[in-house]
N, C-alpha and C. Protein backbone atom coordinates (compact mmCIF):
# COMPACT_ATOMS: atom_id res chain seq x y z
N MET A 1 -1.33 43.49 -8.07
CA MET A 1 -0.20 42.71 -8.48
C MET A 1 -0.50 41.24 -8.18
N SER A 2 -0.30 40.39 -9.14
CA SER A 2 -0.55 38.97 -8.94
C SER A 2 0.77 38.23 -8.85
N SER A 3 0.72 37.12 -8.13
CA SER A 3 1.93 36.32 -8.02
C SER A 3 1.67 34.95 -8.63
N THR A 4 2.71 34.35 -9.11
CA THR A 4 2.62 33.03 -9.69
C THR A 4 3.22 32.03 -8.71
N ILE A 5 2.47 30.98 -8.46
CA ILE A 5 2.96 29.93 -7.58
C ILE A 5 3.45 28.79 -8.45
N THR A 6 4.66 28.38 -8.25
CA THR A 6 5.22 27.26 -8.99
C THR A 6 5.15 26.04 -8.10
N ALA A 7 4.48 25.00 -8.58
CA ALA A 7 4.34 23.77 -7.81
C ALA A 7 5.03 22.63 -8.54
N ASP A 8 5.39 21.64 -7.77
CA ASP A 8 5.93 20.42 -8.34
C ASP A 8 4.82 19.73 -9.12
N PRO A 9 4.97 19.52 -10.45
CA PRO A 9 3.89 18.93 -11.25
C PRO A 9 3.44 17.55 -10.77
N THR A 10 4.30 16.85 -10.05
CA THR A 10 3.89 15.53 -9.56
C THR A 10 2.92 15.63 -8.40
N THR A 11 2.77 16.82 -7.80
CA THR A 11 1.85 16.99 -6.69
C THR A 11 0.55 17.67 -7.11
N LEU A 12 0.43 18.04 -8.36
CA LEU A 12 -0.76 18.72 -8.84
C LEU A 12 -1.88 17.72 -9.11
N ASP A 13 -3.12 18.14 -8.88
CA ASP A 13 -4.27 17.32 -9.27
C ASP A 13 -4.35 17.27 -10.79
N ASN A 14 -5.01 16.25 -11.30
CA ASN A 14 -5.20 16.12 -12.74
C ASN A 14 -6.62 16.51 -13.13
N LEU A 15 -6.71 17.22 -14.23
CA LEU A 15 -8.01 17.48 -14.84
C LEU A 15 -8.36 16.23 -15.62
N HIS A 16 -9.41 15.53 -15.22
CA HIS A 16 -9.76 14.25 -15.84
C HIS A 16 -10.64 14.42 -17.06
N HIS A 17 -11.75 15.17 -16.93
CA HIS A 17 -12.62 15.39 -18.08
C HIS A 17 -13.45 16.65 -17.91
N ILE A 18 -13.97 17.07 -19.02
CA ILE A 18 -14.95 18.15 -19.08
C ILE A 18 -16.21 17.53 -19.64
N ALA A 19 -17.34 17.81 -19.01
CA ALA A 19 -18.62 17.26 -19.47
C ALA A 19 -19.46 18.37 -20.07
N ILE A 20 -19.90 18.14 -21.29
CA ILE A 20 -20.77 19.10 -21.96
C ILE A 20 -22.13 18.47 -22.20
N SER A 21 -23.14 19.27 -22.23
CA SER A 21 -24.51 18.83 -22.44
C SER A 21 -24.79 18.65 -23.93
N VAL A 22 -25.39 17.52 -24.28
CA VAL A 22 -25.77 17.25 -25.67
C VAL A 22 -27.22 16.81 -25.72
N LYS A 23 -27.86 16.97 -26.88
CA LYS A 23 -29.26 16.54 -27.04
C LYS A 23 -29.37 15.05 -27.28
N ASP A 24 -28.42 14.48 -28.02
CA ASP A 24 -28.45 13.07 -28.39
C ASP A 24 -27.03 12.53 -28.28
N VAL A 25 -26.82 11.63 -27.32
CA VAL A 25 -25.46 11.12 -27.06
C VAL A 25 -24.91 10.38 -28.27
N GLY A 26 -25.70 9.52 -28.87
CA GLY A 26 -25.23 8.76 -30.03
C GLY A 26 -24.82 9.65 -31.18
N GLN A 27 -25.64 10.64 -31.47
CA GLN A 27 -25.33 11.58 -32.54
C GLN A 27 -24.05 12.36 -32.22
N ALA A 28 -23.90 12.76 -30.96
CA ALA A 28 -22.71 13.51 -30.55
C ALA A 28 -21.46 12.63 -30.65
N VAL A 29 -21.56 11.37 -30.24
CA VAL A 29 -20.42 10.46 -30.35
C VAL A 29 -20.01 10.32 -31.81
N GLU A 30 -20.98 10.15 -32.68
CA GLU A 30 -20.69 10.01 -34.11
C GLU A 30 -19.99 11.26 -34.64
N TRP A 31 -20.48 12.43 -34.27
CA TRP A 31 -19.88 13.67 -34.75
C TRP A 31 -18.45 13.83 -34.24
N TYR A 32 -18.24 13.66 -32.93
CA TYR A 32 -16.90 13.85 -32.37
C TYR A 32 -15.90 12.83 -32.90
N THR A 33 -16.32 11.57 -33.02
CA THR A 33 -15.38 10.55 -33.50
C THR A 33 -15.09 10.67 -34.99
N SER A 34 -16.01 11.24 -35.74
CA SER A 34 -15.73 11.43 -37.17
C SER A 34 -15.01 12.74 -37.45
N THR A 35 -15.04 13.66 -36.51
CA THR A 35 -14.40 14.96 -36.67
C THR A 35 -13.01 15.02 -36.06
N PHE A 36 -12.80 14.29 -34.96
CA PHE A 36 -11.54 14.33 -34.22
C PHE A 36 -10.97 12.94 -34.04
N LYS A 37 -9.68 12.88 -33.76
CA LYS A 37 -9.02 11.61 -33.44
C LYS A 37 -9.20 11.37 -31.95
N CYS A 38 -10.11 10.48 -31.61
CA CYS A 38 -10.39 10.17 -30.22
C CYS A 38 -10.92 8.74 -30.14
N GLU A 39 -10.96 8.22 -28.92
CA GLU A 39 -11.46 6.86 -28.69
C GLU A 39 -12.65 6.90 -27.76
N VAL A 40 -13.61 6.03 -28.01
CA VAL A 40 -14.77 5.91 -27.14
C VAL A 40 -14.40 4.99 -25.98
N ALA A 41 -14.34 5.54 -24.77
CA ALA A 41 -14.04 4.75 -23.57
C ALA A 41 -15.30 4.15 -22.99
N TYR A 42 -16.43 4.86 -23.13
CA TYR A 42 -17.73 4.39 -22.64
C TYR A 42 -18.81 5.08 -23.44
N HIS A 43 -19.94 4.36 -23.65
CA HIS A 43 -21.04 4.96 -24.41
C HIS A 43 -22.32 4.22 -24.08
N ASP A 44 -23.33 4.95 -23.64
CA ASP A 44 -24.68 4.42 -23.55
C ASP A 44 -25.63 5.55 -23.97
N SER A 45 -26.90 5.40 -23.72
CA SER A 45 -27.85 6.39 -24.22
C SER A 45 -27.87 7.69 -23.41
N THR A 46 -27.26 7.69 -22.22
CA THR A 46 -27.31 8.90 -21.39
C THR A 46 -25.98 9.61 -21.26
N TRP A 47 -24.87 8.92 -21.54
CA TRP A 47 -23.58 9.61 -21.51
C TRP A 47 -22.52 8.79 -22.22
N ALA A 48 -21.47 9.50 -22.60
CA ALA A 48 -20.33 8.85 -23.26
C ALA A 48 -19.07 9.54 -22.77
N LEU A 49 -17.97 8.79 -22.79
CA LEU A 49 -16.68 9.35 -22.44
C LEU A 49 -15.74 9.12 -23.60
N LEU A 50 -15.21 10.20 -24.16
CA LEU A 50 -14.29 10.15 -25.28
C LEU A 50 -12.89 10.50 -24.79
N LYS A 51 -11.92 9.68 -25.12
CA LYS A 51 -10.53 9.91 -24.70
C LYS A 51 -9.77 10.62 -25.81
N PHE A 52 -9.15 11.71 -25.45
CA PHE A 52 -8.25 12.45 -26.33
C PHE A 52 -6.84 12.29 -25.78
N GLY A 53 -5.85 12.81 -26.45
CA GLY A 53 -4.47 12.66 -26.03
C GLY A 53 -4.16 13.29 -24.69
N ASN A 54 -4.87 14.34 -24.32
CA ASN A 54 -4.53 15.07 -23.11
C ASN A 54 -5.66 15.18 -22.10
N LEU A 55 -6.86 14.73 -22.46
CA LEU A 55 -8.03 14.97 -21.61
C LEU A 55 -9.18 14.13 -22.14
N SER A 56 -10.17 13.88 -21.33
CA SER A 56 -11.36 13.19 -21.80
C SER A 56 -12.52 14.19 -21.89
N LEU A 57 -13.46 13.88 -22.76
CA LEU A 57 -14.65 14.68 -22.95
C LEU A 57 -15.85 13.80 -22.66
N ALA A 58 -16.67 14.22 -21.71
CA ALA A 58 -17.91 13.50 -21.41
C ALA A 58 -19.05 14.20 -22.13
N LEU A 59 -19.90 13.41 -22.75
CA LEU A 59 -21.09 13.91 -23.42
C LEU A 59 -22.27 13.47 -22.58
N VAL A 60 -23.01 14.40 -22.03
CA VAL A 60 -24.08 14.08 -21.09
C VAL A 60 -25.40 14.70 -21.52
N ILE A 61 -26.50 14.06 -21.12
CA ILE A 61 -27.80 14.70 -21.31
C ILE A 61 -28.17 15.35 -19.98
N PRO A 62 -28.74 16.54 -20.04
CA PRO A 62 -28.96 17.32 -18.81
C PRO A 62 -29.83 16.61 -17.77
N GLU A 63 -30.72 15.74 -18.20
CA GLU A 63 -31.60 15.06 -17.25
C GLU A 63 -30.84 14.06 -16.39
N GLN A 64 -29.65 13.64 -16.81
CA GLN A 64 -28.88 12.63 -16.11
C GLN A 64 -27.66 13.18 -15.37
N HIS A 65 -26.98 14.14 -15.98
CA HIS A 65 -25.75 14.66 -15.41
C HIS A 65 -25.66 16.15 -15.70
N PRO A 66 -25.13 16.93 -14.76
CA PRO A 66 -24.94 18.35 -15.07
C PRO A 66 -23.67 18.53 -15.90
N PRO A 67 -23.63 19.54 -16.75
CA PRO A 67 -22.35 19.88 -17.37
C PRO A 67 -21.38 20.22 -16.22
N HIS A 68 -20.14 19.75 -16.32
CA HIS A 68 -19.21 19.92 -15.22
C HIS A 68 -17.77 19.75 -15.67
N ILE A 69 -16.88 20.01 -14.74
CA ILE A 69 -15.46 19.77 -14.93
C ILE A 69 -15.05 18.79 -13.83
N ALA A 70 -14.21 17.80 -14.17
CA ALA A 70 -13.86 16.76 -13.20
C ALA A 70 -12.35 16.71 -12.98
N PHE A 71 -11.99 16.62 -11.72
CA PHE A 71 -10.59 16.51 -11.31
C PHE A 71 -10.40 15.22 -10.53
N THR A 72 -9.21 14.63 -10.65
CA THR A 72 -8.85 13.57 -9.72
C THR A 72 -8.26 14.24 -8.48
N ASN A 73 -8.60 13.71 -7.32
CA ASN A 73 -8.16 14.35 -6.09
C ASN A 73 -8.06 13.30 -4.99
N ASP A 74 -6.89 13.17 -4.40
CA ASP A 74 -6.68 12.19 -3.33
C ASP A 74 -7.60 12.41 -2.14
N ARG A 75 -8.10 13.61 -1.98
CA ARG A 75 -8.98 13.93 -0.85
C ARG A 75 -10.45 14.03 -1.25
N ALA A 76 -10.83 13.42 -2.34
CA ALA A 76 -12.22 13.53 -2.83
C ALA A 76 -13.24 13.18 -1.75
N ALA A 77 -12.97 12.14 -0.98
CA ALA A 77 -13.91 11.71 0.06
C ALA A 77 -14.08 12.75 1.16
N ASP A 78 -13.14 13.66 1.30
CA ASP A 78 -13.26 14.72 2.31
C ASP A 78 -14.36 15.71 1.97
N PHE A 79 -14.80 15.72 0.72
CA PHE A 79 -15.81 16.68 0.27
C PHE A 79 -17.22 16.11 0.29
N GLY A 80 -17.35 14.82 0.54
CA GLY A 80 -18.66 14.19 0.59
C GLY A 80 -18.55 12.71 0.27
N PRO A 81 -19.64 11.98 0.48
CA PRO A 81 -19.61 10.54 0.19
C PRO A 81 -19.35 10.29 -1.30
N LEU A 82 -18.49 9.34 -1.57
CA LEU A 82 -18.17 9.01 -2.96
C LEU A 82 -19.24 8.07 -3.51
N LYS A 83 -19.80 8.44 -4.63
CA LYS A 83 -20.85 7.65 -5.27
C LYS A 83 -20.22 6.78 -6.36
N PRO A 84 -20.52 5.48 -6.36
CA PRO A 84 -20.00 4.64 -7.44
C PRO A 84 -20.77 4.89 -8.73
N HIS A 85 -20.06 4.89 -9.84
CA HIS A 85 -20.68 5.10 -11.16
C HIS A 85 -20.60 3.81 -11.97
N ARG A 86 -21.39 3.73 -13.00
CA ARG A 86 -21.48 2.50 -13.80
C ARG A 86 -20.18 2.13 -14.51
N ASP A 87 -19.26 3.08 -14.64
CA ASP A 87 -17.97 2.77 -15.26
C ASP A 87 -16.92 2.36 -14.23
N GLY A 88 -17.32 2.23 -12.95
CA GLY A 88 -16.41 1.79 -11.91
C GLY A 88 -15.73 2.91 -11.14
N THR A 89 -15.87 4.14 -11.59
CA THR A 89 -15.26 5.26 -10.87
C THR A 89 -16.13 5.65 -9.67
N ARG A 90 -15.51 6.36 -8.72
CA ARG A 90 -16.22 6.88 -7.56
C ARG A 90 -15.92 8.37 -7.44
N SER A 91 -16.95 9.15 -7.17
CA SER A 91 -16.74 10.59 -7.08
C SER A 91 -17.86 11.25 -6.30
N CYS A 92 -17.67 12.53 -6.05
CA CYS A 92 -18.73 13.36 -5.49
C CYS A 92 -18.75 14.67 -6.27
N TYR A 93 -19.89 15.33 -6.24
CA TYR A 93 -20.04 16.62 -6.90
C TYR A 93 -20.10 17.71 -5.85
N ILE A 94 -19.44 18.82 -6.14
CA ILE A 94 -19.51 20.02 -5.32
C ILE A 94 -19.72 21.19 -6.27
N GLN A 95 -19.86 22.38 -5.71
CA GLN A 95 -19.97 23.58 -6.54
C GLN A 95 -18.84 24.53 -6.18
N ASP A 96 -18.34 25.21 -7.21
CA ASP A 96 -17.35 26.25 -6.94
C ASP A 96 -18.09 27.50 -6.47
N PRO A 97 -17.40 28.55 -6.06
CA PRO A 97 -18.07 29.75 -5.56
C PRO A 97 -19.03 30.41 -6.55
N SER A 98 -18.87 30.13 -7.84
CA SER A 98 -19.77 30.71 -8.85
C SER A 98 -20.93 29.79 -9.20
N GLY A 99 -21.02 28.63 -8.54
CA GLY A 99 -22.13 27.71 -8.78
C GLY A 99 -21.87 26.68 -9.87
N ASN A 100 -20.66 26.61 -10.40
CA ASN A 100 -20.34 25.62 -11.41
C ASN A 100 -20.20 24.24 -10.76
N ALA A 101 -20.69 23.21 -11.44
CA ALA A 101 -20.57 21.84 -10.94
C ALA A 101 -19.14 21.35 -11.15
N VAL A 102 -18.57 20.79 -10.08
CA VAL A 102 -17.22 20.25 -10.09
C VAL A 102 -17.29 18.82 -9.55
N GLU A 103 -16.77 17.88 -10.32
CA GLU A 103 -16.73 16.50 -9.88
C GLU A 103 -15.33 16.21 -9.34
N LEU A 104 -15.27 15.62 -8.15
CA LEU A 104 -14.00 15.21 -7.55
C LEU A 104 -13.95 13.70 -7.59
N MET A 105 -12.99 13.17 -8.34
CA MET A 105 -12.90 11.72 -8.57
C MET A 105 -11.81 11.11 -7.72
N ASP A 106 -12.11 9.96 -7.13
CA ASP A 106 -11.12 9.20 -6.38
C ASP A 106 -10.16 8.58 -7.40
N PRO A 107 -8.88 8.96 -7.37
CA PRO A 107 -7.95 8.45 -8.38
C PRO A 107 -7.75 6.93 -8.30
N THR A 108 -8.01 6.33 -7.14
CA THR A 108 -7.84 4.88 -7.05
C THR A 108 -8.96 4.12 -7.78
N SER A 109 -10.02 4.82 -8.19
CA SER A 109 -11.13 4.16 -8.88
C SER A 109 -11.03 4.26 -10.40
N LEU A 110 -9.98 4.92 -10.89
CA LEU A 110 -9.85 5.09 -12.34
C LEU A 110 -9.25 3.87 -13.00
C-alpha cells in the first residue's frame, strides 16, 4: 500500500532542467527551435539551454557534461562544493541510488 504525501507547493524544490546528450549542439538547437516554441537562453559549441514554458532543456555533448536532471535546492551546498558555471549558476553533481547524475543548483545563482 502506498501513501501520498501532500506538501505545500511553495516549499517544494523546482525541477530546473533536463540535460540530454547530443552529437552536435548547433544542429540540435536548430532542430529544437524550429520544431518547438522555445527560446535559446545560452548556446555555445558544447552546450545550450533552451527555455520552454514549464522547464528548460539542456543540450550537452557527453565529453563535457553528463546527461542529467537538475533541481534548484536551498541546501545544494550541503551536498558538496558549488562549482561556478559559465552562465553564472553554481551547482554540484551527485548520483541517485541508481547511478543517475543529478545536478543541485543554488537558487540564488539563477
